């Protein structure tokens, strides 16, 4: 039942992230650290960030996995429930960029590290990318 619920939530999220002829594929996930609400909130924060970047078209977003989260949490001295690592595939257009990204490039397996205040907060903040 839990897998069906997560699948339904992800399908709804994918539909809500489709627009202007572009569709973002959001990968499913399984985690001992996060529930679907936390994952959905992190994905939504990343989508908001893409909107603010301009000239970037996200194609795919996924969860890097519990092992990666645990490693990043240990490196930062945080509980694993307070940090999430997402991966993405996205394209940049030909406009001049001042954000460190190259124009006219497809980025694959690009990592985003997001943190939150505590393990129950749904507000995520992007801390690192690359």
N, C-alpha and C. Protein backbone atom coordinates (compact mmCIF):
# COMPACT_ATOMS: atom_id res chain seq x y z
N UNK A 1 0.82 -1.20 0.00
CA UNK A 1 0.00 0.00 0.00
C UNK A 1 0.87 1.26 0.00
N UNK A 2 1.96 1.23 0.79
CA UNK A 2 2.84 2.40 0.87
C UNK A 2 3.46 2.70 -0.50
N UNK A 3 3.88 1.66 -1.23
CA UNK A 3 4.48 1.87 -2.55
C UNK A 3 3.47 2.48 -3.52
N UNK A 4 2.22 2.05 -3.43
CA UNK A 4 1.19 2.60 -4.30
C UNK A 4 0.96 4.07 -3.97
N UNK A 5 0.94 4.41 -2.68
CA UNK A 5 0.75 5.80 -2.27
C UNK A 5 1.89 6.68 -2.78
N UNK A 6 3.12 6.21 -2.63
CA UNK A 6 4.27 6.98 -3.11
C UNK A 6 4.19 7.15 -4.62
N UNK A 7 3.81 6.10 -5.34
CA UNK A 7 3.69 6.17 -6.79
C UNK A 7 2.63 7.19 -7.20
N UNK A 8 1.48 7.18 -6.53
CA UNK A 8 0.41 8.14 -6.84
C UNK A 8 0.88 9.56 -6.58
N UNK A 9 1.57 9.78 -5.45
CA UNK A 9 2.08 11.11 -5.13
C UNK A 9 3.09 11.56 -6.18
N UNK A 10 3.98 10.67 -6.60
CA UNK A 10 4.97 11.03 -7.60
C UNK A 10 4.34 11.31 -8.96
N UNK A 11 3.33 10.55 -9.32
CA UNK A 11 2.63 10.81 -10.59
C UNK A 11 1.96 12.18 -10.55
N UNK A 12 1.35 12.51 -9.43
CA UNK A 12 0.72 13.82 -9.29
C UNK A 12 1.76 14.93 -9.36
N UNK A 13 2.90 14.71 -8.72
CA UNK A 13 3.97 15.70 -8.75
C UNK A 13 4.50 15.88 -10.16
N UNK A 14 4.67 14.79 -10.88
CA UNK A 14 5.16 14.88 -12.27
C UNK A 14 4.19 15.69 -13.12
N UNK A 15 2.90 15.46 -12.94
CA UNK A 15 1.92 16.20 -13.72
C UNK A 15 1.94 17.68 -13.36
N UNK A 16 2.15 17.99 -12.08
CA UNK A 16 2.16 19.39 -11.66
C UNK A 16 3.42 20.10 -12.12
N UNK A 17 4.49 19.36 -12.41
CA UNK A 17 5.73 19.96 -12.86
C UNK A 17 5.82 20.07 -14.37
N UNK A 18 4.80 19.60 -15.07
CA UNK A 18 4.79 19.70 -16.52
C UNK A 18 4.22 21.06 -16.91
N UNK A 19 4.85 21.69 -17.85
CA UNK A 19 4.34 22.98 -18.30
C UNK A 19 5.08 23.44 -19.53
N UNK A 20 4.45 24.31 -20.28
CA UNK A 20 5.06 24.90 -21.48
C UNK A 20 5.62 23.82 -22.40
N UNK A 21 5.00 22.66 -22.45
CA UNK A 21 5.47 21.61 -23.33
C UNK A 21 6.64 20.83 -22.75
N UNK A 22 7.13 21.22 -21.59
CA UNK A 22 8.26 20.52 -20.98
C UNK A 22 7.75 19.64 -19.86
N UNK A 23 8.33 18.49 -19.72
CA UNK A 23 7.94 17.58 -18.66
C UNK A 23 9.19 17.18 -17.89
N UNK A 24 9.07 17.21 -16.58
CA UNK A 24 10.17 16.81 -15.72
C UNK A 24 9.86 15.42 -15.18
N UNK A 25 10.77 14.50 -15.37
CA UNK A 25 10.62 13.16 -14.83
C UNK A 25 11.16 13.16 -13.40
N UNK A 26 10.30 12.84 -12.45
CA UNK A 26 10.71 12.77 -11.05
C UNK A 26 10.77 11.30 -10.65
N UNK A 27 11.98 10.86 -10.28
CA UNK A 27 12.17 9.47 -9.93
C UNK A 27 11.56 9.12 -8.59
N UNK A 28 11.12 7.90 -8.46
CA UNK A 28 10.62 7.42 -7.19
C UNK A 28 11.78 7.26 -6.22
N UNK A 29 11.46 7.00 -5.00
CA UNK A 29 12.53 6.83 -4.03
C UNK A 29 12.09 5.92 -2.91
N UNK A 30 13.08 5.40 -2.24
CA UNK A 30 12.87 4.62 -1.04
C UNK A 30 13.95 5.07 -0.08
N UNK A 31 13.55 5.40 1.15
CA UNK A 31 14.52 5.92 2.11
C UNK A 31 14.11 5.59 3.53
N UNK A 32 15.10 5.31 4.36
CA UNK A 32 14.82 5.14 5.78
C UNK A 32 14.87 6.48 6.50
N UNK A 33 15.30 7.54 5.81
CA UNK A 33 15.44 8.86 6.42
C UNK A 33 14.28 9.80 6.12
N UNK A 34 13.59 9.61 4.99
CA UNK A 34 12.60 10.58 4.53
C UNK A 34 11.29 9.91 4.14
N UNK A 35 10.20 10.63 4.35
CA UNK A 35 8.91 10.18 3.84
C UNK A 35 8.64 10.92 2.52
N UNK A 36 7.55 10.60 1.88
CA UNK A 36 7.26 11.19 0.58
C UNK A 36 7.02 12.70 0.67
N UNK A 37 6.49 13.20 1.79
CA UNK A 37 6.29 14.64 1.93
C UNK A 37 7.62 15.39 1.94
N UNK A 38 8.60 14.85 2.64
CA UNK A 38 9.92 15.48 2.69
C UNK A 38 10.57 15.47 1.31
N UNK A 39 10.46 14.35 0.62
CA UNK A 39 11.03 14.23 -0.73
C UNK A 39 10.34 15.20 -1.69
N UNK A 40 9.02 15.23 -1.66
CA UNK A 40 8.26 16.13 -2.53
C UNK A 40 8.64 17.59 -2.27
N UNK A 41 8.81 17.96 -1.00
CA UNK A 41 9.18 19.34 -0.65
C UNK A 41 10.57 19.69 -1.18
N UNK A 42 11.50 18.74 -1.10
CA UNK A 42 12.86 18.97 -1.61
C UNK A 42 12.83 19.12 -3.13
N UNK A 43 12.07 18.28 -3.81
CA UNK A 43 11.95 18.38 -5.27
C UNK A 43 11.32 19.72 -5.65
N UNK A 44 10.30 20.13 -4.91
CA UNK A 44 9.65 21.41 -5.22
C UNK A 44 10.60 22.58 -5.01
N UNK A 45 11.44 22.53 -3.98
CA UNK A 45 12.44 23.58 -3.75
C UNK A 45 13.41 23.64 -4.93
N UNK A 46 13.82 22.49 -5.42
CA UNK A 46 14.72 22.46 -6.57
C UNK A 46 14.03 23.03 -7.82
N UNK A 47 12.77 22.70 -8.02
CA UNK A 47 12.03 23.24 -9.17
C UNK A 47 11.91 24.77 -9.06
N UNK A 48 11.68 25.28 -7.87
CA UNK A 48 11.62 26.73 -7.66
C UNK A 48 12.96 27.36 -8.00
N UNK A 49 14.03 26.68 -7.63
CA UNK A 49 15.37 27.18 -7.94
C UNK A 49 15.60 27.22 -9.46
N UNK A 50 15.18 26.18 -10.16
CA UNK A 50 15.30 26.17 -11.62
C UNK A 50 14.54 27.36 -12.23
N UNK A 51 13.35 27.64 -11.70
CA UNK A 51 12.57 28.78 -12.20
C UNK A 51 13.34 30.09 -12.04
N UNK A 52 14.07 30.23 -10.93
CA UNK A 52 14.80 31.47 -10.68
C UNK A 52 16.09 31.56 -11.50
N UNK A 53 16.64 30.43 -11.94
CA UNK A 53 17.87 30.45 -12.72
C UNK A 53 17.67 31.06 -14.09
N UNK A 54 16.59 30.75 -14.74
CA UNK A 54 16.35 31.23 -16.09
C UNK A 54 17.28 30.55 -17.08
N UNK A 55 16.74 30.13 -18.19
CA UNK A 55 17.55 29.50 -19.22
C UNK A 55 17.96 28.08 -18.90
N UNK A 56 17.36 27.49 -17.88
CA UNK A 56 17.65 26.09 -17.53
C UNK A 56 16.35 25.30 -17.63
N UNK A 57 16.42 24.17 -18.30
CA UNK A 57 15.25 23.32 -18.46
C UNK A 57 15.53 21.98 -17.78
N UNK A 58 14.91 21.75 -16.62
CA UNK A 58 15.11 20.46 -15.95
C UNK A 58 14.41 19.34 -16.72
N UNK A 59 15.07 18.21 -16.80
CA UNK A 59 14.52 17.05 -17.50
C UNK A 59 14.21 15.90 -16.54
N UNK A 60 15.10 15.73 -15.54
CA UNK A 60 14.95 14.59 -14.63
C UNK A 60 15.48 14.97 -13.26
N UNK A 61 14.77 14.55 -12.22
CA UNK A 61 15.19 14.77 -10.83
C UNK A 61 15.04 13.44 -10.10
N UNK A 62 16.02 13.11 -9.28
CA UNK A 62 15.96 11.87 -8.52
C UNK A 62 16.65 11.98 -7.18
N UNK A 63 16.52 10.94 -6.40
CA UNK A 63 17.13 10.84 -5.08
C UNK A 63 18.46 10.11 -5.21
N UNK A 64 19.52 10.66 -4.64
CA UNK A 64 20.85 10.06 -4.76
C UNK A 64 21.01 8.79 -3.92
N UNK A 65 20.15 8.60 -2.94
CA UNK A 65 20.19 7.38 -2.14
C UNK A 65 20.64 7.61 -0.72
N UNK A 66 20.24 6.69 0.14
CA UNK A 66 20.56 6.79 1.57
C UNK A 66 22.06 6.77 1.85
N UNK A 67 22.81 5.98 1.08
CA UNK A 67 24.26 5.91 1.30
C UNK A 67 24.90 7.29 1.09
N UNK A 68 24.53 7.96 0.01
CA UNK A 68 25.07 9.29 -0.28
C UNK A 68 24.65 10.28 0.80
N UNK A 69 23.40 10.20 1.23
CA UNK A 69 22.91 11.09 2.29
C UNK A 69 23.70 10.87 3.57
N UNK A 70 23.91 9.62 3.92
CA UNK A 70 24.66 9.33 5.15
C UNK A 70 26.07 9.89 5.08
N UNK A 71 26.73 9.72 3.94
CA UNK A 71 28.09 10.24 3.78
C UNK A 71 28.13 11.76 3.89
N UNK A 72 27.19 12.44 3.24
CA UNK A 72 27.14 13.91 3.29
C UNK A 72 26.80 14.39 4.70
N UNK A 73 25.91 13.70 5.37
CA UNK A 73 25.54 14.07 6.74
C UNK A 73 26.74 13.94 7.68
N UNK A 74 27.46 12.84 7.57
CA UNK A 74 28.64 12.64 8.41
C UNK A 74 29.70 13.71 8.14
N UNK A 75 29.90 14.07 6.89
CA UNK A 75 30.90 15.08 6.53
C UNK A 75 30.54 16.45 7.11
N UNK A 76 29.25 16.70 7.31
CA UNK A 76 28.79 18.00 7.81
C UNK A 76 28.41 17.98 9.29
N UNK A 77 28.47 16.83 9.92
CA UNK A 77 28.08 16.71 11.32
C UNK A 77 26.59 16.90 11.54
N UNK A 78 25.79 16.46 10.57
CA UNK A 78 24.33 16.58 10.66
C UNK A 78 23.69 15.21 10.76
N UNK A 79 22.51 15.17 11.31
CA UNK A 79 21.71 13.94 11.28
C UNK A 79 21.29 13.70 9.83
N UNK A 80 21.28 12.46 9.36
CA UNK A 80 20.91 12.20 7.96
C UNK A 80 19.52 12.73 7.60
N UNK A 81 18.62 12.82 8.57
CA UNK A 81 17.27 13.30 8.30
C UNK A 81 17.23 14.80 7.98
N UNK A 82 18.34 15.50 8.20
CA UNK A 82 18.38 16.94 7.97
C UNK A 82 19.04 17.33 6.65
N UNK A 83 19.48 16.34 5.87
CA UNK A 83 20.16 16.64 4.61
C UNK A 83 19.65 15.66 3.56
N UNK A 84 19.41 16.17 2.37
CA UNK A 84 18.97 15.30 1.28
C UNK A 84 19.82 15.65 0.06
N UNK A 85 20.12 14.63 -0.72
CA UNK A 85 20.91 14.83 -1.93
C UNK A 85 20.05 14.40 -3.12
N UNK A 86 19.80 15.36 -4.00
CA UNK A 86 19.06 15.09 -5.22
C UNK A 86 20.01 15.13 -6.40
N UNK A 87 19.68 14.41 -7.44
CA UNK A 87 20.43 14.48 -8.69
C UNK A 87 19.48 14.99 -9.77
N UNK A 88 20.07 15.60 -10.80
CA UNK A 88 19.22 16.09 -11.87
C UNK A 88 19.94 16.03 -13.20
N UNK A 89 19.13 16.02 -14.23
CA UNK A 89 19.58 16.23 -15.59
C UNK A 89 18.84 17.47 -16.07
N UNK A 90 19.60 18.43 -16.61
CA UNK A 90 18.98 19.65 -17.12
C UNK A 90 19.81 20.23 -18.26
N UNK A 91 19.17 21.09 -19.03
CA UNK A 91 19.82 21.74 -20.16
C UNK A 91 19.84 23.24 -19.94
N UNK A 92 20.92 23.88 -20.39
CA UNK A 92 20.98 25.33 -20.39
C UNK A 92 20.81 25.82 -21.82
N UNK A 93 20.23 26.99 -21.96
CA UNK A 93 20.07 27.53 -23.31
C UNK A 93 21.29 28.38 -23.68
N UNK A 94 21.19 29.12 -24.76
CA UNK A 94 22.32 29.87 -25.28
C UNK A 94 22.55 31.24 -24.66
N UNK A 95 21.77 31.61 -23.68
CA UNK A 95 21.95 32.92 -23.07
C UNK A 95 23.24 32.98 -22.26
N UNK A 96 23.79 34.17 -22.15
CA UNK A 96 25.00 34.39 -21.36
C UNK A 96 24.69 34.09 -19.90
N UNK A 97 25.61 33.40 -19.21
CA UNK A 97 25.36 32.94 -17.85
C UNK A 97 26.36 33.56 -16.89
N UNK A 98 25.87 33.89 -15.71
CA UNK A 98 26.74 34.40 -14.64
C UNK A 98 26.64 33.52 -13.40
N UNK A 99 26.11 32.32 -13.54
CA UNK A 99 25.88 31.45 -12.39
C UNK A 99 26.85 30.27 -12.34
N UNK A 100 27.87 30.29 -13.17
CA UNK A 100 28.86 29.21 -13.17
C UNK A 100 28.51 28.05 -14.09
N UNK A 101 27.33 28.07 -14.68
CA UNK A 101 26.94 27.03 -15.61
C UNK A 101 27.32 27.45 -17.02
N UNK A 102 27.58 26.47 -17.87
CA UNK A 102 27.91 26.76 -19.27
C UNK A 102 26.65 26.87 -20.11
N UNK A 103 26.68 27.74 -21.09
CA UNK A 103 25.56 27.87 -22.03
C UNK A 103 25.53 26.67 -22.98
N UNK A 104 24.32 26.34 -23.43
CA UNK A 104 24.12 25.26 -24.41
C UNK A 104 24.76 23.95 -23.97
N UNK A 105 24.47 23.55 -22.77
CA UNK A 105 25.06 22.32 -22.25
C UNK A 105 23.99 21.49 -21.55
N UNK A 106 24.14 20.17 -21.65
CA UNK A 106 23.30 19.25 -20.89
C UNK A 106 24.10 18.75 -19.71
N UNK A 107 23.60 18.96 -18.52
CA UNK A 107 24.22 18.47 -17.30
C UNK A 107 23.49 17.20 -16.87
N UNK A 108 24.25 16.15 -16.58
CA UNK A 108 23.67 14.89 -16.13
C UNK A 108 24.24 14.53 -14.77
N UNK A 109 23.43 13.91 -13.94
CA UNK A 109 23.83 13.51 -12.59
C UNK A 109 24.41 14.67 -11.79
N UNK A 110 23.85 15.84 -11.99
CA UNK A 110 24.25 17.05 -11.26
C UNK A 110 23.67 16.95 -9.86
N UNK A 111 24.50 17.10 -8.84
CA UNK A 111 24.03 16.93 -7.46
C UNK A 111 23.62 18.23 -6.81
N UNK A 112 22.59 18.14 -6.00
CA UNK A 112 22.07 19.24 -5.21
C UNK A 112 22.00 18.78 -3.77
N UNK A 113 22.62 19.51 -2.87
CA UNK A 113 22.59 19.18 -1.45
C UNK A 113 21.69 20.20 -0.76
N UNK A 114 20.64 19.70 -0.15
CA UNK A 114 19.69 20.55 0.54
C UNK A 114 19.66 20.18 2.02
N UNK A 115 19.46 21.16 2.87
CA UNK A 115 19.36 20.91 4.31
C UNK A 115 18.07 21.52 4.84
N UNK A 116 17.69 21.07 6.03
CA UNK A 116 16.52 21.63 6.70
C UNK A 116 16.81 21.78 8.19
N UNK A 117 16.02 22.61 8.84
CA UNK A 117 16.21 22.97 10.25
C UNK A 117 16.17 21.76 11.18
N UNK A 118 15.20 20.88 10.96
CA UNK A 118 15.08 19.68 11.80
C UNK A 118 14.45 18.57 10.97
N UNK A 119 14.35 17.40 11.56
CA UNK A 119 13.92 16.23 10.80
C UNK A 119 12.45 16.25 10.40
N UNK A 120 11.66 17.14 10.96
CA UNK A 120 10.24 17.18 10.58
C UNK A 120 9.88 18.40 9.72
N UNK A 121 10.83 19.31 9.52
CA UNK A 121 10.56 20.50 8.71
C UNK A 121 10.40 20.13 7.25
N UNK A 122 9.50 20.82 6.55
CA UNK A 122 9.32 20.58 5.13
C UNK A 122 9.96 21.67 4.28
N UNK A 123 10.60 22.63 4.90
CA UNK A 123 11.30 23.68 4.17
C UNK A 123 12.75 23.26 3.98
N UNK A 124 13.17 23.11 2.73
CA UNK A 124 14.55 22.75 2.40
C UNK A 124 15.26 23.97 1.81
N UNK A 125 16.55 24.04 2.01
CA UNK A 125 17.36 25.10 1.44
C UNK A 125 18.55 24.50 0.70
N UNK A 126 18.77 24.94 -0.52
CA UNK A 126 19.90 24.43 -1.30
C UNK A 126 21.18 24.98 -0.71
N UNK A 127 22.11 24.10 -0.37
CA UNK A 127 23.38 24.50 0.23
C UNK A 127 24.55 24.40 -0.75
N UNK A 128 24.53 23.35 -1.57
CA UNK A 128 25.62 23.14 -2.54
C UNK A 128 25.04 22.53 -3.80
N UNK A 129 25.76 22.75 -4.88
CA UNK A 129 25.38 22.13 -6.14
C UNK A 129 26.62 21.86 -6.96
N UNK A 130 26.52 20.88 -7.81
CA UNK A 130 27.64 20.61 -8.68
C UNK A 130 27.76 19.18 -9.09
